[in-house]
Amino acid sequence: MPPYLPWHAELVFLSGVAEVLRGLGVLIPANIHVAVNNVPVFGATEGPGPVGYVRLLFQLVLIAWAYWYTRD
């Protein structure tokens, strides 16, 4: 946090909340859309098929892992 900004703790908290909300906003629709509509990802010519659903579930595991790792 730059020293010229006031309320350091509050701004860090607000930026963290904004980051989490934006991340959830992108995570949920985008990954569900890829899985349901079999959208090609990472430059592929065809969609991932059933792997899209596995990828979606794996991201839930990663979110739980990040939560577990960063809690007090």
Protein backbone atom coordinates (compact mmCIF):
# COMPACT_ATOMS: atom_id res chain seq x y z
CA MET A 1 0.00 0.00 0.00
CA PRO A 2 1.56 3.33 -1.00
CA PRO A 3 2.34 5.52 2.01
CA TYR A 4 0.52 8.53 0.52
CA LEU A 5 -2.88 6.77 0.71
CA PRO A 6 -4.83 7.08 3.95
CA TRP A 7 -6.60 4.26 5.81
CA HIS A 8 -4.22 1.45 4.82
CA ALA A 9 -6.01 -1.39 6.59
CA GLU A 10 -9.41 -0.34 5.30
CA LEU A 11 -8.22 -0.01 1.72
CA VAL A 12 -6.50 -3.39 1.83
CA PHE A 13 -9.71 -4.93 3.17
CA LEU A 14 -11.87 -3.26 0.52
CA SER A 15 -9.54 -4.25 -2.30
CA GLY A 16 -9.56 -7.84 -1.03
CA VAL A 17 -13.35 -7.92 -0.94
CA ALA A 18 -13.49 -6.51 -4.47
CA GLU A 19 -10.99 -9.09 -5.70
CA VAL A 20 -12.92 -12.00 -4.19
CA LEU A 21 -16.24 -10.77 -5.60
CA ARG A 22 -14.79 -10.26 -9.06
CA GLY A 23 -13.12 -13.67 -8.93
CA LEU A 24 -16.38 -15.36 -7.99
CA GLY A 25 -18.19 -13.42 -10.68
CA VAL A 26 -15.83 -14.73 -13.34
CA LEU A 27 -15.35 -18.21 -11.92
CA ILE A 28 -18.95 -19.29 -11.71
CA PRO A 29 -20.45 -18.24 -15.08
CA ALA A 30 -17.32 -18.77 -17.16
CA ASN A 31 -16.51 -22.29 -16.03
CA ILE A 32 -20.11 -23.45 -16.03
CA HIS A 33 -20.49 -22.02 -19.54
CA VAL A 34 -17.38 -23.91 -20.73
CA ALA A 35 -18.60 -27.20 -19.24
CA VAL A 36 -22.23 -26.99 -20.35
CA ASN A 37 -21.58 -25.64 -23.86
CA ASN A 38 -18.38 -27.60 -24.55
CA VAL A 39 -16.45 -24.42 -25.39
CA PRO A 40 -12.87 -24.85 -26.67
CA VAL A 41 -10.29 -23.49 -24.21
CA PHE A 42 -6.60 -22.64 -24.43
CA GLY A 43 -6.61 -22.46 -28.23
CA ALA A 44 -8.10 -25.92 -28.76
CA THR A 45 -10.17 -26.60 -31.86
CA GLU A 46 -12.90 -28.48 -29.98
CA GLY A 47 -14.36 -28.41 -26.47
CA PRO A 48 -13.07 -30.51 -23.57
CA GLY A 49 -16.22 -32.69 -23.37
CA PRO A 50 -16.61 -34.42 -19.99
CA VAL A 51 -13.24 -33.04 -18.89
CA GLY A 52 -14.94 -29.62 -18.65
CA TYR A 53 -17.03 -30.92 -15.75
CA VAL A 54 -13.97 -32.44 -14.09
CA ARG A 55 -12.20 -29.11 -14.47
CA LEU A 56 -15.16 -27.35 -12.88
CA LEU A 57 -15.15 -29.71 -9.89
CA PHE A 58 -11.37 -29.47 -9.57
CA GLN A 59 -11.63 -25.71 -9.24
CA LEU A 60 -13.93 -26.18 -6.26
CA VAL A 61 -11.22 -28.36 -4.70
CA LEU A 62 -8.64 -25.63 -5.33
CA ILE A 63 -10.89 -23.00 -3.75
CA ALA A 64 -11.37 -25.19 -0.67
CA TRP A 65 -7.62 -25.80 -0.50
CA ALA A 66 -6.86 -22.06 -0.70
CA TYR A 67 -9.44 -21.37 2.02
CA TRP A 68 -8.02 -24.08 4.27
CA TYR A 69 -4.45 -22.93 3.72
CA THR A 70 -5.11 -19.23 4.43
CA ARG A 71 -7.44 -19.43 7.42
CA ASP A 72 -6.18 -18.46 10.86
